[in-house]
PDB file of N, CA and C in Angstrom:
ATOM      1  N   MET A   1       1.751 -21.513  -6.589  1.00  0.00           N
ATOM      2  CA  MET A   1       2.728 -20.286  -6.304  1.00  0.00           C
ATOM      3  C   MET A   1       2.160 -20.627  -4.643  1.00  0.00           C
ATOM      4  N   THR A   2       2.868 -20.309  -3.776  1.00  0.00           N
ATOM      5  CA  THR A   2       2.508 -20.468  -2.409  1.00  0.00           C
ATOM      6  C   THR A   2       1.727 -19.290  -1.847  1.00  0.00           C
ATOM      7  N   PHE A   3       1.518 -18.940  -0.771  1.00  0.00           N
ATOM      8  CA  PHE A   3       0.768 -17.996   0.144  1.00  0.00           C
ATOM      9  C   PHE A   3       2.012 -16.773   0.339  1.00  0.00           C
ATOM     10  N   TRP A   4       3.615 -17.634   0.431  1.00  0.00           N
ATOM     11  CA  TRP A   4       4.566 -16.744   0.728  1.00  0.00           C
ATOM     12  C   TRP A   4       5.168 -16.075  -0.442  1.00  0.00           C
ATOM     13  N   ASP A   5       4.991 -16.611  -1.248  1.00  0.00           N
ATOM     14  CA  ASP A   5       5.532 -16.352  -2.705  1.00  0.00           C
ATOM     15  C   ASP A   5       4.337 -14.978  -3.187  1.00  0.00           C
ATOM     16  N   PHE A   6       3.312 -15.428  -2.950  1.00  0.00           N
ATOM     17  CA  PHE A   6       2.161 -14.328  -3.567  1.00  0.00           C
ATOM     18  C   PHE A   6       2.506 -13.004  -2.275  1.00  0.00           C
ATOM     19  N   PHE A   7       2.570 -13.428  -1.401  1.00  0.00           N
ATOM     20  CA  PHE A   7       2.869 -12.218  -0.123  1.00  0.00           C
ATOM     21  C   PHE A   7       4.193 -11.402  -0.555  1.00  0.00           C
ATOM     22  N   TRP A   8       5.096 -12.008  -0.679  1.00  0.00           N
ATOM     23  CA  TRP A   8       6.719 -11.046  -1.329  1.00  0.00           C
ATOM     24  C   TRP A   8       6.353 -10.622  -2.591  1.00  0.00           C
ATOM     25  N   LEU A   9       5.780 -11.311  -3.661  1.00  0.00           N
ATOM     26  CA  LEU A   9       5.510 -10.520  -4.885  1.00  0.00           C
ATOM     27  C   LEU A   9       4.574  -9.318  -4.799  1.00  0.00           C
ATOM     28  N   MET A  10       3.704  -9.235  -3.816  1.00  0.00           N
ATOM     29  CA  MET A  10       2.874  -8.052  -3.388  1.00  0.00           C
ATOM     30  C   MET A  10       3.640  -7.182  -2.800  1.00  0.00           C
ATOM     31  N   MET A  11       4.416  -7.523  -2.016  1.00  0.00           N
ATOM     32  CA  MET A  11       5.050  -6.767  -0.998  1.00  0.00           C
ATOM     33  C   MET A  11       6.465  -5.743  -1.976  1.00  0.00           C
ATOM     34  N   SER A  12       7.192  -6.727  -3.052  1.00  0.00           N
ATOM     35  CA  SER A  12       7.764  -5.980  -3.992  1.00  0.00           C
ATOM     36  C   SER A  12       7.188  -5.079  -4.789  1.00  0.00           C
ATOM     37  N   PHE A  13       6.243  -5.444  -5.321  1.00  0.00           N
ATOM     38  CA  PHE A  13       5.338  -4.785  -6.300  1.00  0.00           C
ATOM     39  C   PHE A  13       5.240  -3.051  -5.387  1.00  0.00           C
ATOM     40  N   LEU A  14       4.603  -3.432  -4.108  1.00  0.00           N
ATOM     41  CA  LEU A  14       4.298  -2.312  -3.281  1.00  0.00           C
ATOM     42  C   LEU A  14       5.598  -1.315  -3.385  1.00  0.00           C
ATOM     43  N   LEU A  15       6.703  -1.808  -2.705  1.00  0.00           N
ATOM     44  CA  LEU A  15       7.851  -1.043  -2.743  1.00  0.00           C
ATOM     45  C   LEU A  15       8.278  -0.407  -4.103  1.00  0.00           C
ATOM     46  N   TYR A  16       8.220  -1.263  -5.109  1.00  0.00           N
ATOM     47  CA  TYR A  16       8.507  -0.671  -6.575  1.00  0.00           C
ATOM     48  C   TYR A  16       7.336   0.675  -6.875  1.00  0.00           C
ATOM     49  N   VAL A  17       6.137   0.292  -6.391  1.00  0.00           N
ATOM     50  CA  VAL A  17       5.150   1.632  -7.074  1.00  0.00           C
ATOM     51  C   VAL A  17       5.637   3.150  -6.071  1.00  0.00           C
ATOM     52  N   SER A  18       5.940   2.401  -4.836  1.00  0.00           N
ATOM     53  CA  SER A  18       6.271   3.494  -4.016  1.00  0.00           C
ATOM     54  C   SER A  18       7.574   4.085  -4.445  1.00  0.00           C
ATOM     55  N   TYR A  19       8.382   3.526  -4.751  1.00  0.00           N
ATOM     56  CA  TYR A  19       9.990   3.566  -5.415  1.00  0.00           C
ATOM     57  C   TYR A  19       9.717   4.583  -6.322  1.00  0.00           C
ATOM     58  N   LEU A  20       8.498   4.368  -7.440  1.00  0.00           N
ATOM     59  CA  LEU A  20       8.485   5.182  -8.932  1.00  0.00           C
ATOM     60  C   LEU A  20       7.418   6.782  -8.145  1.00  0.00           C
ATOM     61  N   VAL A  21       6.774   6.157  -7.413  1.00  0.00           N
ATOM     62  CA  VAL A  21       5.822   7.558  -6.878  1.00  0.00           C
ATOM     63  C   VAL A  21       7.096   8.765  -6.422  1.00  0.00           C
ATOM     64  N   VAL A  22       8.003   8.329  -5.717  1.00  0.00           N
ATOM     65  CA  VAL A  22       9.080   9.319  -4.939  1.00  0.00           C
ATOM     66  C   VAL A  22       9.831   9.479  -6.261  1.00  0.00           C
ATOM     67  N   LEU A  23      10.242   8.865  -7.117  1.00  0.00           N
ATOM     68  CA  LEU A  23      11.112   9.535  -8.188  1.00  0.00           C
ATOM     69  C   LEU A  23      10.374  10.422  -8.609  1.00  0.00           C
ATOM     70  N   PHE A  24       9.054   9.693  -9.180  1.00  0.00           N
ATOM     71  CA  PHE A  24       8.401  11.257  -9.900  1.00  0.00           C
ATOM     72  C   PHE A  24       8.332  12.325  -9.181  1.00  0.00           C
ATOM     73  N   LEU A  25       8.019  12.475  -8.046  1.00  0.00           N
ATOM     74  CA  LEU A  25       7.879  13.853  -7.078  1.00  0.00           C
ATOM     75  C   LEU A  25       9.509  14.513  -7.144  1.00  0.00           C
ATOM     76  N   ILE A  26      10.179  13.471  -7.103  1.00  0.00           N
ATOM     77  CA  ILE A  26      11.495  14.523  -6.993  1.00  0.00           C
ATOM     78  C   ILE A  26      11.898  14.757  -8.377  1.00  0.00           C
ATOM     79  N   VAL A  27      11.330  14.403  -9.593  1.00  0.00           N
ATOM     80  CA  VAL A  27      11.383  15.077 -11.075  1.00  0.00           C
ATOM     81  C   VAL A  27      10.760  16.147 -11.228  1.00  0.00           C
ATOM     82  N   LYS A  28       9.583  15.970 -10.332  1.00  0.00           N
ATOM     83  CA  LYS A  28       8.390  17.271 -10.439  1.00  0.00           C
ATOM     84  C   LYS A  28       9.096  18.423  -9.750  1.00  0.00           C
ATOM     85  N   ASP A  29       9.570  17.997  -8.655  1.00  0.00           N
ATOM     86  CA  ASP A  29      10.307  19.120  -7.790  1.00  0.00           C
ATOM     87  C   ASP A  29      11.363  19.634  -8.296  1.00  0.00           C
ATOM     88  N   ILE A  30      12.394  19.036  -9.100  1.00  0.00           N
ATOM     89  CA  ILE A  30      13.440  19.629  -9.810  1.00  0.00           C
ATOM     90  C   ILE A  30      12.737  20.576 -11.001  1.00  0.00           C
ATOM     91  N   PHE A  31      11.827  20.169 -11.794  1.00  0.00           N
ATOM     92  CA  PHE A  31      11.552  21.141 -12.934  1.00  0.00           C
ATOM     93  C   PHE A  31      10.742  21.967 -12.306  1.00  0.00           C
ATOM     94  N   SER A  32      10.399  22.126 -11.323  1.00  0.00           N
ATOM     95  CA  SER A  32       9.064  23.370 -10.720  1.00  0.00           C
ATOM     96  C   SER A  32      10.195  24.360 -10.218  1.00  0.00           C
ATOM     97  N   ASP A  33      11.021  23.892  -9.496  1.00  0.00           N
ATOM     98  CA  ASP A  33      11.863  24.873  -8.720  1.00  0.00           C
ATOM     99  C   ASP A  33      12.405  25.849  -9.413  1.00  0.00           C
ATOM    100  N   SER A  34      12.105  26.950  -9.539  1.00  0.00           N
ATOM    101  CA  SER A  34      12.323  28.087 -10.613  1.00  0.00           C
ATOM    102  C   SER A  34      13.652  28.942  -9.999  1.00  0.00           C
ATOM    103  N   THR A  35      14.384  28.621  -8.919  1.00  0.00           N
ATOM    104  CA  THR A  35      15.476  29.205  -8.535  1.00  0.00           C
ATOM    105  C   THR A  35      16.803  28.239  -8.839  1.00  0.00           C
ATOM    106  N   ARG A  36      16.481  27.299  -9.447  1.00  0.00           N
ATOM    107  CA  ARG A  36      17.725  26.053  -9.768  1.00  0.00           C
ATOM    108  C   ARG A  36      17.855  26.558 -10.979  1.00  0.00           C
ATOM    109  N   ALA A  37      19.132  26.506 -11.608  1.00  0.00           N
ATOM    110  CA  ALA A  37      19.476  26.921 -12.691  1.00  0.00           C
ATOM    111  C   ALA A  37      19.364  25.478 -13.630  1.00  0.00           C
ATOM    112  N   GLY A  38      19.451  25.658 -15.003  1.00  0.00           N
ATOM    113  CA  GLY A  38      19.213  24.596 -15.952  1.00  0.00           C
ATOM    114  C   GLY A  38      20.046  23.370 -15.774  1.00  0.00           C
ATOM    115  N   TRP A  39      21.403  23.802 -15.680  1.00  0.00           N
ATOM    116  CA  TRP A  39      22.487  22.847 -15.774  1.00  0.00           C
ATOM    117  C   TRP A  39      22.448  21.822 -14.152  1.00  0.00           C
ATOM    118  N   SER A  40      22.044  22.905 -13.317  1.00  0.00           N
ATOM    119  CA  SER A  40      21.755  22.155 -12.043  1.00  0.00           C
ATOM    120  C   SER A  40      20.567  21.275 -12.263  1.00  0.00           C
ATOM    121  N   LYS A  41      19.461  21.524 -12.933  1.00  0.00           N
ATOM    122  CA  LYS A  41      18.499  20.340 -13.230  1.00  0.00           C
ATOM    123  C   LYS A  41      18.934  19.430 -14.313  1.00  0.00           C
ATOM    124  N   ALA A  42      19.547  19.495 -15.313  1.00  0.00           N
ATOM    125  CA  ALA A  42      20.313  18.421 -16.016  1.00  0.00           C
ATOM    126  C   ALA A  42      20.955  17.477 -15.382  1.00  0.00           C
ATOM    127  N   VAL A  43      21.649  18.115 -14.095  1.00  0.00           N
ATOM    128  CA  VAL A  43      22.536  17.082 -13.596  1.00  0.00           C
ATOM    129  C   VAL A  43      21.659  16.185 -12.028  1.00  0.00           C
ATOM    130  N   TRP A  44      21.008  16.781 -12.147  1.00  0.00           N
ATOM    131  CA  TRP A  44      20.167  15.723 -11.247  1.00  0.00           C
ATOM    132  C   TRP A  44      19.383  14.511 -11.700  1.00  0.00           C
ATOM    133  N   VAL A  45      18.964  15.281 -12.907  1.00  0.00           N
ATOM    134  CA  VAL A  45      18.109  14.303 -13.779  1.00  0.00           C
ATOM    135  C   VAL A  45      19.106  13.446 -14.255  1.00  0.00           C
ATOM    136  N   LEU A  46      20.275  13.462 -14.383  1.00  0.00           N
ATOM    137  CA  LEU A  46      21.604  12.343 -14.773  1.00  0.00           C
ATOM    138  C   LEU A  46      21.659  11.552 -13.716  1.00  0.00           C
ATOM    139  N   VAL A  47      22.088  12.263 -12.528  1.00  0.00           N
ATOM    140  CA  VAL A  47      22.046  11.296 -11.443  1.00  0.00           C
ATOM    141  C   VAL A  47      21.146  10.713 -11.085  1.00  0.00           C
ATOM    142  N   LEU A  48      20.041  10.831 -11.396  1.00  0.00           N
ATOM    143  CA  LEU A  48      18.259   9.942 -11.192  1.00  0.00           C
ATOM    144  C   LEU A  48      18.535   8.949 -12.206  1.00  0.00           C
ATOM    145  N   LEU A  49      18.930   9.489 -13.504  1.00  0.00           N
ATOM    146  CA  LEU A  49      19.118   8.174 -14.534  1.00  0.00           C
ATOM    147  C   LEU A  49      20.327   7.202 -14.399  1.00  0.00           C
ATOM    148  N   VAL A  50      21.586   7.679 -13.683  1.00  0.00           N
ATOM    149  CA  VAL A  50      22.615   6.754 -13.537  1.00  0.00           C
ATOM    150  C   VAL A  50      22.373   6.037 -12.401  1.00  0.00           C
ATOM    151  N   VAL A  51      22.148   6.710 -11.270  1.00  0.00           N
ATOM    152  CA  VAL A  51      21.832   5.845  -9.862  1.00  0.00           C
ATOM    153  C   VAL A  51      20.622   6.382  -9.193  1.00  0.00           C
ATOM    154  N   PRO A  52      19.738   5.750  -9.447  1.00  0.00           N
ATOM    155  CA  PRO A  52      18.328   6.295  -9.212  1.00  0.00           C
ATOM    156  C   PRO A  52      17.941   6.132  -7.927  1.00  0.00           C
ATOM    157  N   VAL A  53      18.440   5.273  -7.110  1.00  0.00           N
ATOM    158  CA  VAL A  53      18.299   5.115  -5.733  1.00  0.00           C
ATOM    159  C   VAL A  53      19.070   5.878  -4.856  1.00  0.00           C
ATOM    160  N   PHE A  54      20.089   6.164  -4.966  1.00  0.00           N
ATOM    161  CA  PHE A  54      21.203   6.902  -4.016  1.00  0.00           C
ATOM    162  C   PHE A  54      21.293   8.092  -4.725  1.00  0.00           C
ATOM    163  N   GLY A  55      20.516   8.460  -6.038  1.00  0.00           N
ATOM    164  CA  GLY A  55      20.261   9.819  -6.300  1.00  0.00           C
ATOM    165  C   GLY A  55      18.995  10.441  -5.875  1.00  0.00           C
ATOM    166  N   GLY A  56      18.114   9.626  -5.635  1.00  0.00           N
ATOM    167  CA  GLY A  56      16.996   9.873  -4.876  1.00  0.00           C
ATOM    168  C   GLY A  56      17.091  10.284  -3.841  1.00  0.00           C
ATOM    169  N   LEU A  57      17.982   9.373  -2.748  1.00  0.00           N
ATOM    170  CA  LEU A  57      18.145   9.650  -1.047  1.00  0.00           C
ATOM    171  C   LEU A  57      18.895  10.934  -1.280  1.00  0.00           C
ATOM    172  N   ALA A  58      19.977  10.948  -2.025  1.00  0.00           N
ATOM    173  CA  ALA A  58      20.997  12.298  -2.124  1.00  0.00           C
ATOM    174  C   ALA A  58      19.834  13.494  -2.067  1.00  0.00           C
ATOM    175  N   TYR A  59      18.712  13.484  -3.151  1.00  0.00           N
ATOM    176  CA  TYR A  59      18.008  14.771  -3.414  1.00  0.00           C
ATOM    177  C   TYR A  59      17.203  14.986  -2.149  1.00  0.00           C
ATOM    178  N   LEU A  60      16.736  13.611  -1.238  1.00  0.00           N
ATOM    179  CA  LEU A  60      15.474  14.126  -0.493  1.00  0.00           C
ATOM    180  C   LEU A  60      16.459  14.512   0.637  1.00  0.00           C
ATOM    181  N   ILE A  61      17.829  13.935   0.972  1.00  0.00           N
ATOM    182  CA  ILE A  61      18.530  14.594   2.249  1.00  0.00           C
ATOM    183  C   ILE A  61      18.659  16.264   1.813  1.00  0.00           C
ATOM    184  N   ALA A  62      19.240  16.459   0.678  1.00  0.00           N
ATOM    185  CA  ALA A  62      19.935  17.938   0.393  1.00  0.00           C
ATOM    186  C   ALA A  62      18.664  18.784   0.220  1.00  0.00           C
ATOM    187  N   PHE A  63      17.641  18.419  -0.355  1.00  0.00           N
ATOM    188  CA  PHE A  63      16.433  19.238  -0.732  1.00  0.00           C
ATOM    189  C   PHE A  63      15.062  18.946  -0.104  1.00  0.00           C
ATOM    190  N   GLY A  64      15.144  17.908   0.782  1.00  0.00           N
ATOM    191  CA  GLY A  64      13.389  17.525   1.200  1.00  0.00           C
ATOM    192  C   GLY A  64      12.801  18.394   1.868  1.00  0.00           C
ATOM    193  N   GLN A  65      13.466  19.690   2.838  1.00  0.00           N
ATOM    194  CA  GLN A  65      12.943  20.478   3.024  1.00  0.00           C
ATOM    195  C   GLN A  65      12.394  21.358   2.707  1.00  0.00           C
ATOM    196  N   SER A  66      13.165  21.897   1.614  1.00  0.00           N
ATOM    197  CA  SER A  66      12.738  23.186   0.613  1.00  0.00           C
ATOM    198  C   SER A  66      11.969  22.177  -0.668  1.00  0.00           C
ATOM    199  N   MET A  67      11.506  20.976  -0.476  1.00  0.00           N
ATOM    200  CA  MET A  67      10.690  20.325  -1.167  1.00  0.00           C
ATOM    201  C   MET A  67       9.174  20.685  -0.732  1.00  0.00           C
ATOM    202  N   SER A  68       9.429  20.304   0.365  1.00  0.00           N
ATOM    203  CA  SER A  68       8.018  20.101   1.277  1.00  0.00           C
ATOM    204  C   SER A  68       7.177  21.857   1.339  1.00  0.00           C
ATOM    205  N   LEU A  69       8.180  22.506   1.212  1.00  0.00           N
ATOM    206  CA  LEU A  69       8.053  24.485   1.663  1.00  0.00           C
ATOM    207  C   LEU A  69       7.625  24.867   0.118  1.00  0.00           C
ATOM    208  N   ARG A  70       8.019  24.041  -1.232  1.00  0.00           N
ATOM    209  CA  ARG A  70       7.436  24.463  -2.152  1.00  0.00           C
ATOM    210  C   ARG A  70       6.332  23.933  -2.690  1.00  0.00           C
ATOM    211  N   GLN A  71       5.871  22.784  -2.030  1.00  0.00           N
ATOM    212  CA  GLN A  71       4.500  21.899  -2.082  1.00  0.00           C
ATOM    213  C   GLN A  71       3.926  22.657  -1.473  1.00  0.00           C
ATOM    214  N   ALA A  72       3.887  23.317  -0.308  1.00  0.00           N
ATOM    215  CA  ALA A  72       2.890  23.843   0.837  1.00  0.00           C
ATOM    216  C   ALA A  72       2.855  25.378   0.131  1.00  0.00           C
ATOM    217  N   ALA A  73       3.531  25.780  -0.540  1.00  0.00           N
ATOM    218  CA  ALA A  73       3.536  27.354  -0.925  1.00  0.00           C
ATOM    219  C   ALA A  73       2.548  27.308  -2.573  1.00  0.00           C
ATOM    220  N   ARG A  74       2.646  26.128  -3.589  1.00  0.00           N
ATOM    221  CA  ARG A  74       1.879  25.754  -4.477  1.00  0.00           C
ATOM    222  C   ARG A  74       0.572  25.525  -4.089  1.00  0.00           C
ATOM    223  N   ASN A  75       0.212  24.297  -2.365  1.00  0.00           N
ATOM    224  CA  ASN A  75      -0.861  24.572  -2.486  1.00  0.00           C
ATOM    225  C   ASN A  75      -1.770  25.594  -1.982  1.00  0.00           C
ATOM    226  N   ASP A  76      -1.072  26.660  -1.096  1.00  0.00           N
ATOM    227  CA  ASP A  76      -1.578  28.061  -0.699  1.00  0.00           C
ATOM    228  C   ASP A  76      -2.068  28.962  -1.915  1.00  0.00           C
ATOM    229  N   VAL A  77      -1.421  29.007  -3.212  1.00  0.00           N
ATOM    230  CA  VAL A  77      -1.830  29.427  -4.113  1.00  0.00           C
ATOM    231  C   VAL A  77      -2.759  28.908  -4.869  1.00  0.00           C
ATOM    232  N   ALA A  78      -2.912  27.752  -5.113  1.00  0.00           N
ATOM    233  CA  ALA A  78      -4.126  26.989  -5.563  1.00  0.00           C
ATOM    234  C   ALA A  78      -5.225  27.180  -4.501  1.00  0.00           C
ATOM    235  N   LYS A  79      -5.345  27.208  -3.236  1.00  0.00           N
ATOM    236  CA  LYS A  79      -6.417  27.349  -2.274  1.00  0.00           C
ATOM    237  C   LYS A  79      -6.793  28.887  -2.668  1.00  0.00           C
ATOM    238  N   GLU A  80      -5.762  29.924  -2.792  1.00  0.00           N
ATOM    239  CA  GLU A  80      -6.262  31.399  -2.775  1.00  0.00           C
ATOM    240  C   GLU A  80      -7.177  31.349  -4.635  1.00  0.00           C
ATOM    241  N   ASP A  81      -6.634  30.641  -5.375  1.00  0.00           N
ATOM    242  CA  ASP A  81      -7.096  30.827  -6.799  1.00  0.00           C
ATOM    243  C   ASP A  81      -8.599  30.266  -6.642  1.00  0.00           C
ATOM    244  N   PHE A  82      -8.715  28.948  -5.876  1.00  0.00           N
ATOM    245  CA  PHE A  82      -9.792  28.290  -5.948  1.00  0.00           C
ATOM    246  C   PHE A  82     -11.048  29.242  -4.676  1.00  0.00           C
ATOM    247  N   ASP A  83     -10.609  29.811  -4.058  1.00  0.00           N
ATOM    248  CA  ASP A  83     -11.282  30.982  -2.982  1.00  0.00           C
ATOM    249  C   ASP A  83     -11.700  31.959  -3.565  1.00  0.00           C
ATOM    250  N   ASP A  84     -10.957  32.637  -4.678  1.00  0.00           N
ATOM    251  CA  ASP A  84     -11.625  33.700  -5.460  1.00  0.00           C
ATOM    252  C   ASP A  84     -12.291  33.374  -6.488  1.00  0.00           C
ATOM    253  N   ASP A  85     -12.263  32.498  -6.968  1.00  0.00           N
ATOM    254  CA  ASP A  85     -12.824  31.569  -8.436  1.00  0.00           C
ATOM    255  C   ASP A  85     -14.496  31.186  -7.827  1.00  0.00           C
ATOM    256  N   VAL A  86     -14.321  30.837  -6.492  1.00  0.00           N
ATOM    257  CA  VAL A  86     -15.619  30.769  -5.631  1.00  0.00           C
ATOM    258  C   VAL A  86     -16.560  31.958  -5.530  1.00  0.00           C
ATOM    259  N   ARG A  87     -15.535  32.840  -4.865  1.00  0.00           N
ATOM    260  CA  ARG A  87     -16.253  34.288  -4.548  1.00  0.00           C
ATOM    261  C   ARG A  87     -16.802  34.831  -5.921  1.00  0.00           C
ATOM    262  N   ARG A  88     -16.087  34.679  -7.035  1.00  0.00           N
ATOM    263  CA  ARG A  88     -16.039  35.193  -8.456  1.00  0.00           C
ATOM    264  C   ARG A  88     -17.332  34.784  -8.656  1.00  0.00           C
ATOM    265  N   THR A  89     -17.435  33.551  -9.013  1.00  0.00           N
ATOM    266  CA  THR A  89     -18.715  32.777  -8.910  1.00  0.00           C
ATOM    267  C   THR A  89     -19.905  32.983  -8.704  1.00  0.00           C
ATOM    268  N   ALA A  90     -20.073  32.927  -7.261  1.00  0.00           N
ATOM    269  CA  ALA A  90     -20.944  33.347  -6.262  1.00  0.00           C
ATOM    270  C   ALA A  90     -21.432  34.977  -6.415  1.00  0.00           C
ATOM    271  N   GLY A  91     -20.330  35.795  -6.642  1.00  0.00           N
ATOM    272  CA  GLY A  91     -20.811  37.151  -6.963  1.00  0.00           C
ATOM    273  C   GLY A  91     -21.598  38.171  -5.810  1.00  0.00           C
ATOM    274  N   THR A  92     -21.838  37.477  -4.829  1.00  0.00           N
ATOM    275  CA  THR A  92     -22.176  38.047  -3.669  1.00  0.00           C
ATOM    276  C   THR A  92     -21.160  38.095  -2.253  1.00  0.00           C
ATOM    277  N   ASN A  93     -21.575  39.158  -1.711  1.00  0.00           N
ATOM    278  CA  ASN A  93     -20.611  39.248  -0.298  1.00  0.00           C
ATOM    279  C   ASN A  93     -21.392  39.375   1.060  1.00  0.00           C
ATOM    280  N   PRO A  94     -21.101  39.030   1.876  1.00  0.00           N
ATOM    281  CA  PRO A  94     -21.965  38.618   3.131  1.00  0.00           C
ATOM    282  C   PRO A  94     -23.205  39.582   3.298  1.00  0.00           C
ATOM    283  N   ALA A  95     -22.460  40.773   2.843  1.00  0.00           N
ATOM    284  CA  ALA A  95     -23.969  41.660   3.094  1.00  0.00           C
ATOM    285  C   ALA A  95     -24.796  41.579   2.622  1.00  0.00           C
ATOM    286  N   GLU A  96     -24.621  41.237   1.085  1.00  0.00           N
ATOM    287  CA  GLU A  96     -26.114  40.972   0.033  1.00  0.00           C
ATOM    288  C   GLU A  96     -26.504  39.882   0.389  1.00  0.00           C
ATOM    289  N   GLN A  97     -25.932  38.575   1.198  1.00  0.00           N
ATOM    290  CA  GLN A  97     -26.704  37.587   1.565  1.00  0.00           C
ATOM    291  C   GLN A  97     -27.076  37.980   2.579  1.00  0.00           C
ATOM    292  N   ILE A  98     -26.589  38.548   3.685  1.00  0.00           N
ATOM    293  CA  ILE A  98     -27.537  38.892   4.850  1.00  0.00           C
ATOM    294  C   ILE A  98     -29.157  39.743   4.254  1.00  0.00           C
ATOM    295  N   ALA A  99     -28.930  40.537   3.644  1.00  0.00           N
ATOM    296  CA  ALA A  99     -29.676  41.228   3.117  1.00  0.00           C
ATOM    297  C   ALA A  99     -30.891  40.619   2.302  1.00  0.00           C
ATOM    298  N   GLN A 100     -30.536  39.597   1.367  1.00  0.00           N
ATOM    299  CA  GLN A 100     -31.130  38.676   0.676  1.00  0.00           C
ATOM    300  C   GLN A 100     -32.157  37.796   1.856  1.00  0.00           C
ATOM    301  N   ALA A 101     -31.356  37.417   2.782  1.00  0.00           N
ATOM    302  CA  ALA A 101     -32.044  36.339   3.478  1.00  0.00           C
ATOM    303  C   ALA A 101     -32.993  37.275   4.445  1.00  0.00           C
ATOM    304  N   LYS A 102     -33.000  38.479   4.526  1.00  0.00           N
ATOM    305  CA  LYS A 102     -33.780  39.471   5.563  1.00  0.00           C
ATOM    306  C   LYS A 102     -34.991  39.730   4.513  1.00  0.00           C
ATOM    307  N   THR A 103     -34.840  39.817   3.224  1.00  0.00           N
ATOM    308  CA  THR A 103     -35.920  39.959   2.475  1.00  0.00           C
ATOM    309  C   THR A 103     -37.165  38.623   2.402  1.00  0.00           C
ATOM    310  N   LEU A 104     -35.950  37.511   2.662  1.00  0.00           N
ATOM    311  CA  LEU A 104     -36.742  36.254   2.450  1.00  0.00           C
ATOM    312  C   LEU A 104     -37.578  36.126   4.096  1.00  0.00           C
ATOM    313  N   MET A 105     -36.891  36.384   4.801  1.00  0.00           N
ATOM    314  CA  MET A 105     -37.759  36.334   6.201  1.00  0.00           C
ATOM    315  C   MET A 105     -38.886  37.549   6.347  1.00  0.00           C
ATOM    316  N   ASP A 106     -38.706  38.652   5.761  1.00  0.00           N
ATOM    317  CA  ASP A 106     -39.721  39.612   5.694  1.00  0.00           C
ATOM    318  C   ASP A 106     -41.005  38.838   4.795  1.00  0.00           C
ATOM    319  N   ASP A 107     -40.802  38.365   3.713  1.00  0.00           N
ATOM    320  CA  ASP A 107     -41.742  37.630   2.721  1.00  0.00           C
ATOM    321  C   ASP A 107     -42.473  36.372   3.698  1.00  0.00           C
ATOM    322  N   GLY A 108     -41.867  35.949   4.676  1.00  0.00           N
ATOM    323  CA  GLY A 108     -42.278  34.787   5.273  1.00  0.00           C
ATOM    324  C   GLY A 108     -41.723  33.281   4.763  1.00  0.00           C
ATOM    325  N   ALA A 109     -40.383  33.476   3.940  1.00  0.00           N
ATOM    326  CA  ALA A 109     -40.073  31.858   3.616  1.00  0.00           C
ATOM    327  C   ALA A 109     -39.339  31.752   4.383  1.00  0.00           C
ATOM    328  N   LEU A 110     -38.381  32.592   5.240  1.00  0.00           N
ATOM    329  CA  LEU A 110     -37.727  31.900   6.485  1.00  0.00           C
ATOM    330  C   LEU A 110     -38.079  32.378   7.510  1.00  0.00           C
ATOM    331  N   SER A 111     -38.011  31.368   8.733  1.00  0.00           N
ATOM    332  CA  SER A 111     -38.469  31.663   9.750  1.00  0.00           C
ATOM    333  C   SER A 111     -37.174  32.675  10.557  1.00  0.00           C
ATOM    334  N   ALA A 112     -37.547  33.035  11.556  1.00  0.00           N
ATOM    335  CA  ALA A 112     -36.315  34.168  12.209  1.00  0.00           C
ATOM    336  C   ALA A 112     -35.229  33.151  12.988  1.00  0.00           C
ATOM    337  N   GLU A 113     -35.417  31.961  13.104  1.00  0.00           N
ATOM    338  CA  GLU A 113     -34.222  30.952  13.523  1.00  0.00           C
ATOM    339  C   GLU A 113     -33.608  30.502  12.501  1.00  0.00           C
ATOM    340  N   GLU A 114     -34.025  30.424  11.197  1.00  0.00           N
ATOM    341  CA  GLU A 114     -33.677  30.142  10.013  1.00  0.00           C
ATOM    342  C   GLU A 114     -32.605  31.325   9.560  1.00  0.00           C
ATOM    343  N   PHE A 115     -33.087  32.754   9.796  1.00  0.00           N
ATOM    344  CA  PHE A 115     -32.619  33.567   9.477  1.00  0.00           C
ATOM    345  C   PHE A 115     -31.409  33.936  10.278  1.00  0.00           C
ATOM    346  N   ALA A 116     -31.252  33.789  11.531  1.00  0.00           N
ATOM    347  CA  ALA A 116     -30.258  33.886  12.364  1.00  0.00           C
ATOM    348  C   ALA A 116     -28.861  32.832  11.988  1.00  0.00           C
ATOM    349  N   ALA A 117     -29.590  31.629  11.655  1.00  0.00           N
ATOM    350  CA  ALA A 117     -28.666  30.645  11.307  1.00  0.00           C
ATOM    351  C   ALA A 117     -27.834  30.732  10.194  1.00  0.00           C
ATOM    352  N   LEU A 118     -28.518  31.330   9.082  1.00  0.00           N
ATOM    353  CA  LEU A 118     -28.348  31.743   7.932  1.00  0.00           C
ATOM    354  C   LEU A 118     -26.966  32.677   8.142  1.00  0.00           C
ATOM    355  N   LYS A 119     -27.460  33.909   8.977  1.00  0.00           N
ATOM    356  CA  LYS A 119     -26.583  35.097   9.431  1.00  0.00           C
ATOM    357  C   LYS A 119     -25.080  34.561  10.086  1.00  0.00           C
ATOM    358  N   GLN A 120     -25.410  33.499  11.106  1.00  0.00           N
ATOM    359  CA  GLN A 120     -24.383  33.340  11.551  1.00  0.00           C
ATOM    360  C   GLN A 120     -23.576  32.095  10.401  1.00  0.00           C
ATOM    361  N   ARG A 121     -23.960  31.706   9.479  1.00  0.00           N
ATOM    362  CA  ARG A 121     -23.192  31.205   8.901  1.00  0.00           C
ATOM    363  C   ARG A 121     -22.132  32.134   7.972  1.00  0.00           C
ATOM    364  N   VAL A 122     -22.981  32.892   7.248  1.00  0.00           N
ATOM    365  CA  VAL A 122     -22.379  33.642   6.355  1.00  0.00           C
ATOM    366  C   VAL A 122     -21.337  34.634   7.071  1.00  0.00           C
ATOM    367  N   LEU A 123     -21.422  35.161   8.306  1.00  0.00           N
ATOM    368  CA  LEU A 123     -20.479  35.578   9.179  1.00  0.00           C
ATOM    369  C   LEU A 123     -19.404  34.887   9.284  1.00  0.00           C
ATOM    370  N   GLY A 124     -19.288  33.710   9.157  1.00  0.00           N
ATOM    371  CA  GLY A 124     -18.469  32.811   9.916  1.00  0.00           C
ATOM    372  C   GLY A 124     -18.433  32.411  10.857  1.00  0.00           C
ATOM    373  N   GLN A 125     -19.345  32.576  11.966  1.00  0.00           N
ATOM    374  CA  GLN A 125     -19.010  32.493  13.533  1.00  0.00           C
ATOM    375  C   GLN A 125     -19.790  31.084  13.688  1.00  0.00           C
TER     376      GLN A 125
END
């Protein structure tokens, strides 16, 4: 096997894997779209099975923008859920954290500079 045979083999493998990733993203989007009727989902899956390349291109042309908007909305919900979980797990609000830091400073465990830095970080400034 020459260098160029190996090169084109790797390029074709890369293109094939990229194609599969895009195809799976399209199928995921088809089934995650709650506004689309069930028969419409079935038709798109059938189109992707019969003519996968042209069906995928048609789907991306027709629904590419809404596909990215739905993904952004899912990411926003996931981020909010994560932030709520972190807040619930931490169990403290900024005022409590500053009060605890003030107590530590009064006890001598924190210096005034460390307290100021912690206060700035808690307040998000």
